[in-house]
Amino acid sequence: MKTEQNGSMRIRRKIGFLLLVLTANILGISQNKSAITLDLVGNSGYYSLNGEYEIGKFKNCKLNARIGFGYYPLTDGDFVGIPIGFNLLTGTKKHHIELGLGASYIKGLEDSRVPAGLFGNTQELRQRSEAIYLVPTVGYRYDNLTRGLILKIYYSPLITIYDFFNREKYLYGSTLNYETGYSSSYNTGGNAFQTEMDPNYSLPTAINRFGNFGVTIGYRF
């Protein structure tokens, strides 16, 4: 199991490296049409480093494509965030309303807990969620549209469109262990298991986050 985890970690790091290389190439394509940004919370869950490139404009609006990557090792599983999407900037001066639509792969946003002794386990076990979210955005953006500083504050609900967590396998699966969180064979009765056996027990399901805001700082090249 540790070998699989190490292999998975190496793959994630390679993906992150490739995204950063792609971002660097994008930034060198055309002056003033590309930017690099750091997002905190927002569309990546916790944080992400993003590359952005202008792909079109009409009237007083500009359309940008973006892709990002965030990674952070945690004691009970890694955080990985990969947001992609499109942003529409209104206005031609420094102050803009920005509208966006995208999707984010996020692992590690929700934390589940199995108390010690519940299934014969000698220590508390934890597992983190893994899902793909739909992420619409709306916000204010300070951007000269020439070389210089970018600042943004925005609202970005995370709406679950695919949850990788397999509830049936988790509740009726194989042996419970730290790596998988799977339990030994038994019948829990679904939600009754959580309320009757241990109300503090939680599943690593991805939940919608409608009160989600983000802050961005970046630089246009």
C-alpha atoms as a PDB file:
ATOM      1  CA  MET A   1       0.000   0.000   0.000  1.00  0.00           C
ATOM      2  CA  LYS A   2       2.890   2.382   0.820  1.00  0.00           C
ATOM      3  CA  THR A   3       4.399   1.624  -2.593  1.00  0.00           C
ATOM      4  CA  GLU A   4       1.108   2.613  -4.254  1.00  0.00           C
ATOM      5  CA  GLN A   5       0.973   5.814  -2.209  1.00  0.00           C
ATOM      6  CA  ASN A   6       4.557   6.707  -3.137  1.00  0.00           C
ATOM      7  CA  GLY A   7       3.784   6.033  -6.792  1.00  0.00           C
ATOM      8  CA  SER A   8       0.672   8.201  -6.605  1.00  0.00           C
ATOM      9  CA  MET A   9       2.650  11.002  -4.973  1.00  0.00           C
ATOM     10  CA  ARG A  10       5.292  10.858  -7.699  1.00  0.00           C
ATOM     11  CA  ILE A  11       2.600  11.053 -10.391  1.00  0.00           C
ATOM     12  CA  ARG A  12       1.009  14.119  -8.734  1.00  0.00           C
ATOM     13  CA  ARG A  13       4.374  15.853  -8.511  1.00  0.00           C
ATOM     14  CA  LYS A  14       5.045  15.138 -12.186  1.00  0.00           C
ATOM     15  CA  ILE A  15       1.635  16.538 -13.103  1.00  0.00           C
ATOM     16  CA  GLY A  16       2.392  19.643 -11.065  1.00  0.00           C
ATOM     17  CA  PHE A  17       5.784  20.048 -12.737  1.00  0.00           C
ATOM     18  CA  LEU A  18       4.263  19.679 -16.209  1.00  0.00           C
ATOM     19  CA  LEU A  19       1.593  22.257 -15.387  1.00  0.00           C
ATOM     20  CA  LEU A  20       4.244  24.697 -14.232  1.00  0.00           C
ATOM     21  CA  VAL A  21       6.261  24.141 -17.422  1.00  0.00           C
ATOM     22  CA  LEU A  22       3.108  24.674 -19.486  1.00  0.00           C
ATOM     23  CA  THR A  23       2.397  27.847 -17.528  1.00  0.00           C
ATOM     24  CA  ALA A  24       5.922  29.139 -18.175  1.00  0.00           C
ATOM     25  CA  ASN A  25       5.524  28.465 -21.919  1.00  0.00           C
ATOM     26  CA  ILE A  26       2.151  30.208 -21.981  1.00  0.00           C
ATOM     27  CA  LEU A  27       3.607  33.235 -20.235  1.00  0.00           C
ATOM     28  CA  GLY A  28       6.232  33.567 -22.942  1.00  0.00           C
ATOM     29  CA  ILE A  29       3.816  33.493 -25.872  1.00  0.00           C
ATOM     30  CA  SER A  30       2.613  37.074 -25.976  1.00  0.00           C
ATOM     31  CA  GLN A  31       3.282  40.221 -23.975  1.00  0.00           C
ATOM     32  CA  ASN A  32       0.398  41.518 -21.819  1.00  0.00           C
ATOM     33  CA  LYS A  33      -1.813  38.547 -22.706  1.00  0.00           C
ATOM     34  CA  SER A  34      -0.512  36.182 -20.049  1.00  0.00           C
ATOM     35  CA  ALA A  35      -0.334  36.205 -16.276  1.00  0.00           C
ATOM     36  CA  ILE A  36       0.595  34.040 -13.338  1.00  0.00           C
ATOM     37  CA  THR A  37      -1.508  34.159 -10.158  1.00  0.00           C
ATOM     38  CA  LEU A  38      -1.665  32.684  -6.676  1.00  0.00           C
ATOM     39  CA  ASP A  39      -5.186  31.817  -5.520  1.00  0.00           C
ATOM     40  CA  LEU A  40      -5.999  31.396  -1.832  1.00  0.00           C
ATOM     41  CA  VAL A  41      -9.101  29.297  -1.039  1.00  0.00           C
ATOM     42  CA  GLY A  42     -11.483  30.033  -3.946  1.00  0.00           C
ATOM     43  CA  ASN A  43     -11.687  27.640  -6.882  1.00  0.00           C
ATOM     44  CA  SER A  44      -8.850  25.362  -5.704  1.00  0.00           C
ATOM     45  CA  GLY A  45     -10.158  24.653  -2.218  1.00  0.00           C
ATOM     46  CA  TYR A  46      -7.021  25.805  -0.375  1.00  0.00           C
ATOM     47  CA  TYR A  47      -4.533  27.320  -2.804  1.00  0.00           C
ATOM     48  CA  SER A  48      -3.189  27.007  -6.351  1.00  0.00           C
ATOM     49  CA  LEU A  49      -0.557  28.523  -8.623  1.00  0.00           C
ATOM     50  CA  ASN A  50      -2.219  29.403 -11.934  1.00  0.00           C
ATOM     51  CA  GLY A  51      -1.309  30.330 -15.483  1.00  0.00           C
ATOM     52  CA  GLU A  52      -3.714  32.533 -17.437  1.00  0.00           C
ATOM     53  CA  TYR A  53      -3.771  33.494 -21.107  1.00  0.00           C
ATOM     54  CA  GLU A  54      -6.022  35.775 -23.138  1.00  0.00           C
ATOM     55  CA  ILE A  55      -7.728  33.756 -25.876  1.00  0.00           C
ATOM     56  CA  GLY A  56     -10.149  36.330 -27.253  1.00  0.00           C
ATOM     57  CA  LYS A  57     -11.709  39.758 -26.928  1.00  0.00           C
ATOM     58  CA  PHE A  58     -14.818  41.535 -28.141  1.00  0.00           C
ATOM     59  CA  LYS A  59     -16.071  45.061 -27.493  1.00  0.00           C
ATOM     60  CA  ASN A  60     -14.952  45.881 -23.930  1.00  0.00           C
ATOM     61  CA  CYS A  61     -14.489  42.291 -22.753  1.00  0.00           C
ATOM     62  CA  LYS A  62     -11.548  39.888 -22.657  1.00  0.00           C
ATOM     63  CA  LEU A  63     -11.778  36.097 -22.408  1.00  0.00           C
ATOM     64  CA  ASN A  64      -9.006  34.256 -20.540  1.00  0.00           C
ATOM     65  CA  ALA A  65      -8.257  30.551 -20.145  1.00  0.00           C
ATOM     66  CA  ARG A  66      -6.611  29.393 -16.936  1.00  0.00           C
ATOM     67  CA  ILE A  67      -5.155  26.269 -15.362  1.00  0.00           C
ATOM     68  CA  GLY A  68      -3.642  25.791 -11.933  1.00  0.00           C
ATOM     69  CA  PHE A  69      -2.084  23.322  -9.518  1.00  0.00           C
ATOM     70  CA  GLY A  70      -1.831  23.155  -5.748  1.00  0.00           C
ATOM     71  CA  TYR A  71      -0.230  20.485  -3.573  1.00  0.00           C
ATOM     72  CA  TYR A  72       0.402  20.174   0.144  1.00  0.00           C
ATOM     73  CA  PRO A  73       1.351  17.060   2.172  1.00  0.00           C
ATOM     74  CA  LEU A  74      -0.894  16.391   5.177  1.00  0.00           C
ATOM     75  CA  THR A  75      -0.457  13.881   7.986  1.00  0.00           C
ATOM     76  CA  ASP A  76      -3.631  12.018   6.978  1.00  0.00           C
ATOM     77  CA  GLY A  77      -3.452  12.383   3.177  1.00  0.00           C
ATOM     78  CA  ASP A  78      -2.278  14.926   0.625  1.00  0.00           C
ATOM     79  CA  PHE A  79      -4.112  18.011  -0.587  1.00  0.00           C
ATOM     80  CA  VAL A  80      -4.206  18.276  -4.397  1.00  0.00           C
ATOM     81  CA  GLY A  81      -6.090  20.988  -6.276  1.00  0.00           C
ATOM     82  CA  ILE A  82      -6.265  21.337 -10.083  1.00  0.00           C
ATOM     83  CA  PRO A  83      -8.596  24.143 -11.216  1.00  0.00           C
ATOM     84  CA  ILE A  84      -9.260  24.877 -14.895  1.00  0.00           C
ATOM     85  CA  GLY A  85     -11.679  27.286 -16.518  1.00  0.00           C
ATOM     86  CA  PHE A  86     -12.437  30.530 -18.361  1.00  0.00           C
ATOM     87  CA  ASN A  87     -12.706  34.100 -17.068  1.00  0.00           C
ATOM     88  CA  LEU A  88     -14.475  37.013 -18.760  1.00  0.00           C
ATOM     89  CA  LEU A  89     -13.181  40.490 -17.857  1.00  0.00           C
ATOM     90  CA  THR A  90     -15.440  43.480 -18.449  1.00  0.00           C
ATOM     91  CA  GLY A  91     -13.979  46.945 -19.002  1.00  0.00           C
ATOM     92  CA  THR A  92     -10.775  48.295 -20.544  1.00  0.00           C
ATOM     93  CA  LYS A  93      -9.230  50.227 -17.631  1.00  0.00           C
ATOM     94  CA  LYS A  94      -7.905  49.144 -14.217  1.00  0.00           C
ATOM     95  CA  HIS A  95     -11.119  48.045 -12.523  1.00  0.00           C
ATOM     96  CA  HIS A  96     -13.080  45.051 -13.783  1.00  0.00           C
ATOM     97  CA  ILE A  97     -15.983  42.816 -13.001  1.00  0.00           C
ATOM     98  CA  GLU A  98     -14.877  39.233 -13.661  1.00  0.00           C
ATOM     99  CA  LEU A  99     -17.180  36.318 -14.441  1.00  0.00           C
ATOM    100  CA  GLY A 100     -15.904  32.770 -14.701  1.00  0.00           C
ATOM    101  CA  LEU A 101     -16.843  29.162 -15.200  1.00  0.00           C
ATOM    102  CA  GLY A 102     -14.641  26.164 -14.562  1.00  0.00           C
ATOM    103  CA  ALA A 103     -14.102  22.815 -12.886  1.00  0.00           C
ATOM    104  CA  SER A 104     -11.721  21.741 -10.137  1.00  0.00           C
ATOM    105  CA  TYR A 105     -10.303  18.385  -9.113  1.00  0.00           C
ATOM    106  CA  ILE A 106      -9.741  18.609  -5.354  1.00  0.00           C
ATOM    107  CA  LYS A 107      -8.468  15.914  -3.030  1.00  0.00           C
ATOM    108  CA  GLY A 108      -8.239  16.483   0.702  1.00  0.00           C
ATOM    109  CA  LEU A 109     -10.913  19.134   1.196  1.00  0.00           C
ATOM    110  CA  GLU A 110     -13.156  17.170   3.587  1.00  0.00           C
ATOM    111  CA  ASP A 111     -11.858  15.150   6.523  1.00  0.00           C
ATOM    112  CA  SER A 112     -13.537  11.976   7.825  1.00  0.00           C
ATOM    113  CA  ARG A 113     -13.004  10.407  11.242  1.00  0.00           C
ATOM    114  CA  VAL A 114     -13.268   6.843  12.557  1.00  0.00           C
ATOM    115  CA  PRO A 115     -12.889   6.890  16.387  1.00  0.00           C
ATOM    116  CA  ALA A 116     -10.464   4.391  17.935  1.00  0.00           C
ATOM    117  CA  GLY A 117     -12.079   1.106  18.897  1.00  0.00           C
ATOM    118  CA  LEU A 118     -15.140   1.411  16.658  1.00  0.00           C
ATOM    119  CA  PHE A 119     -14.121  -1.521  14.433  1.00  0.00           C
ATOM    120  CA  GLY A 120     -11.347  -2.905  16.598  1.00  0.00           C
ATOM    121  CA  ASN A 121      -8.928  -0.257  15.334  1.00  0.00           C
ATOM    122  CA  THR A 122      -6.418   0.789  17.988  1.00  0.00           C
ATOM    123  CA  GLN A 123      -6.097   4.404  16.788  1.00  0.00           C
ATOM    124  CA  GLU A 124      -8.296   7.081  15.296  1.00  0.00           C
ATOM    125  CA  LEU A 125      -8.393   6.764  11.508  1.00  0.00           C
ATOM    126  CA  ARG A 126      -8.851   9.593   9.045  1.00  0.00           C
ATOM    127  CA  GLN A 127      -9.487   9.782   5.314  1.00  0.00           C
ATOM    128  CA  ARG A 128      -9.957  12.761   3.006  1.00  0.00           C
ATOM    129  CA  SER A 129     -12.439  13.420   0.216  1.00  0.00           C
ATOM    130  CA  GLU A 130     -11.689  13.358  -3.525  1.00  0.00           C
ATOM    131  CA  ALA A 131     -14.035  14.944  -6.058  1.00  0.00           C
ATOM    132  CA  ILE A 132     -14.572  17.079  -9.144  1.00  0.00           C
ATOM    133  CA  TYR A 133     -16.460  20.328  -8.595  1.00  0.00           C
ATOM    134  CA  LEU A 134     -18.256  22.761 -10.879  1.00  0.00           C
ATOM    135  CA  VAL A 135     -16.966  26.239 -10.039  1.00  0.00           C
ATOM    136  CA  PRO A 136     -18.745  29.383 -11.283  1.00  0.00           C
ATOM    137  CA  THR A 137     -17.112  32.658 -10.154  1.00  0.00           C
ATOM    138  CA  VAL A 138     -17.955  36.336  -9.902  1.00  0.00           C
ATOM    139  CA  GLY A 139     -15.760  39.043  -8.443  1.00  0.00           C
ATOM    140  CA  TYR A 140     -13.836  42.297  -8.620  1.00  0.00           C
ATOM    141  CA  ARG A 141     -10.432  42.447 -10.319  1.00  0.00           C
ATOM    142  CA  TYR A 142      -7.760  45.133 -10.347  1.00  0.00           C
ATOM    143  CA  ASP A 143      -5.724  44.698 -13.536  1.00  0.00           C
ATOM    144  CA  ASN A 144      -4.015  47.301 -15.740  1.00  0.00           C
ATOM    145  CA  LEU A 145      -4.232  44.924 -18.723  1.00  0.00           C
ATOM    146  CA  THR A 146      -0.576  45.780 -19.273  1.00  0.00           C
ATOM    147  CA  ARG A 147       2.449  44.532 -17.351  1.00  0.00           C
ATOM    148  CA  GLY A 148       1.873  44.809 -13.637  1.00  0.00           C
ATOM    149  CA  LEU A 149       0.064  43.729 -10.488  1.00  0.00           C
ATOM    150  CA  ILE A 150      -3.220  41.789 -10.437  1.00  0.00           C
ATOM    151  CA  LEU A 151      -5.490  41.702  -7.378  1.00  0.00           C
ATOM    152  CA  LYS A 152      -8.831  39.924  -7.178  1.00  0.00           C
ATOM    153  CA  ILE A 153     -11.500  39.006  -4.664  1.00  0.00           C
ATOM    154  CA  TYR A 154     -14.272  36.705  -5.778  1.00  0.00           C
ATOM    155  CA  TYR A 155     -17.085  34.372  -4.831  1.00  0.00           C
ATOM    156  CA  SER A 156     -16.769  30.789  -6.080  1.00  0.00           C
ATOM    157  CA  PRO A 157     -19.148  28.095  -4.816  1.00  0.00           C
ATOM    158  CA  LEU A 158     -17.840  24.528  -5.099  1.00  0.00           C
ATOM    159  CA  ILE A 159     -20.653  22.347  -6.464  1.00  0.00           C
ATOM    160  CA  THR A 160     -19.940  18.613  -6.423  1.00  0.00           C
ATOM    161  CA  ILE A 161     -20.415  16.992  -9.842  1.00  0.00           C
ATOM    162  CA  TYR A 162     -18.486  13.742  -9.226  1.00  0.00           C
ATOM    163  CA  ASP A 163     -17.457  12.204  -5.906  1.00  0.00           C
ATOM    164  CA  PHE A 164     -14.792   9.473  -6.060  1.00  0.00           C
ATOM    165  CA  PHE A 165     -15.835   8.149  -2.640  1.00  0.00           C
ATOM    166  CA  ASN A 166     -17.538   4.733  -2.842  1.00  0.00           C
ATOM    167  CA  ARG A 167     -19.970   4.627   0.072  1.00  0.00           C
ATOM    168  CA  GLU A 168     -20.945   0.989  -0.443  1.00  0.00           C
ATOM    169  CA  LYS A 169     -17.364  -0.216  -0.550  1.00  0.00           C
ATOM    170  CA  TYR A 170     -16.504   1.849   2.489  1.00  0.00           C
ATOM    171  CA  LEU A 171     -19.420   0.590   4.609  1.00  0.00           C
ATOM    172  CA  TYR A 172     -19.530  -3.010   3.377  1.00  0.00           C
ATOM    173  CA  GLY A 173     -15.989  -3.473   2.126  1.00  0.00           C
ATOM    174  CA  SER A 174     -12.858  -5.301   3.184  1.00  0.00           C
ATOM    175  CA  THR A 175     -10.632  -4.909   6.237  1.00  0.00           C
ATOM    176  CA  LEU A 176     -10.483  -1.466   7.827  1.00  0.00           C
ATOM    177  CA  ASN A 177      -7.003   0.038   7.761  1.00  0.00           C
ATOM    178  CA  TYR A 178      -5.301   3.421   7.854  1.00  0.00           C
ATOM    179  CA  GLU A 179      -4.621   3.578   4.125  1.00  0.00           C
ATOM    180  CA  THR A 180      -8.092   2.715   2.792  1.00  0.00           C
ATOM    181  CA  GLY A 181     -10.448   3.376   5.681  1.00  0.00           C
ATOM    182  CA  TYR A 182     -12.508   0.365   4.546  1.00  0.00           C
ATOM    183  CA  SER A 183     -14.384  -1.579   7.199  1.00  0.00           C
ATOM    184  CA  SER A 184     -14.733  -5.316   7.689  1.00  0.00           C
ATOM    185  CA  SER A 185     -17.877  -7.047   6.503  1.00  0.00           C
ATOM    186  CA  TYR A 186     -20.987  -6.010   8.429  1.00  0.00           C
ATOM    187  CA  ASN A 187     -24.348  -4.370   7.873  1.00  0.00           C
ATOM    188  CA  THR A 188     -24.506  -0.802   9.152  1.00  0.00           C
ATOM    189  CA  GLY A 189     -27.920   0.260   7.994  1.00  0.00           C
ATOM    190  CA  GLY A 190     -26.539   3.297   6.175  1.00  0.00           C
ATOM    191  CA  ASN A 191     -27.234   6.575   7.959  1.00  0.00           C
ATOM    192  CA  ALA A 192     -28.503   4.735  11.040  1.00  0.00           C
ATOM    193  CA  PHE A 193     -24.916   3.603  11.540  1.00  0.00           C
ATOM    194  CA  GLN A 194     -23.758   7.181  11.929  1.00  0.00           C
ATOM    195  CA  THR A 195     -26.527   8.287  14.292  1.00  0.00           C
ATOM    196  CA  GLU A 196     -26.975   5.159  16.422  1.00  0.00           C
ATOM    197  CA  MET A 197     -23.494   3.628  16.628  1.00  0.00           C
ATOM    198  CA  ASP A 198     -21.398   6.793  16.795  1.00  0.00           C
ATOM    199  CA  PRO A 199     -22.677  10.285  15.935  1.00  0.00           C
ATOM    200  CA  ASN A 200     -19.098  11.561  15.712  1.00  0.00           C
ATOM    201  CA  TYR A 201     -18.242   9.205  12.865  1.00  0.00           C
ATOM    202  CA  SER A 202     -18.054  10.922   9.464  1.00  0.00           C
ATOM    203  CA  LEU A 203     -17.697   9.756   5.877  1.00  0.00           C
ATOM    204  CA  PRO A 204     -15.176  11.312   3.453  1.00  0.00           C
ATOM    205  CA  THR A 205     -17.900  12.560   1.121  1.00  0.00           C
ATOM    206  CA  ALA A 206     -17.512  15.719  -0.953  1.00  0.00           C
ATOM    207  CA  ILE A 207     -20.025  18.382   0.026  1.00  0.00           C
ATOM    208  CA  ASN A 208     -21.177  21.540  -1.731  1.00  0.00           C
ATOM    209  CA  ARG A 209     -19.591  24.733  -0.437  1.00  0.00           C
ATOM    210  CA  PHE A 210     -21.817  27.675  -1.239  1.00  0.00           C
ATOM    211  CA  GLY A 211     -20.148  30.097   1.184  1.00  0.00           C
ATOM    212  CA  ASN A 212     -16.813  29.940  -0.604  1.00  0.00           C
ATOM    213  CA  PHE A 213     -14.726  33.060  -1.365  1.00  0.00           C
ATOM    214  CA  GLY A 214     -11.249  33.477  -2.824  1.00  0.00           C
ATOM    215  CA  VAL A 215      -8.425  36.008  -3.000  1.00  0.00           C
ATOM    216  CA  THR A 216      -5.934  36.270  -5.869  1.00  0.00           C
ATOM    217  CA  ILE A 217      -2.623  38.052  -6.259  1.00  0.00           C
ATOM    218  CA  GLY A 218      -0.705  37.875  -9.520  1.00  0.00           C
ATOM    219  CA  TYR A 219       1.371  39.561 -12.194  1.00  0.00           C
ATOM    220  CA  ARG A 220       0.660  40.229 -15.861  1.00  0.00           C
ATOM    221  CA  PHE A 221       3.590  39.868 -18.258  1.00  0.00           C
END
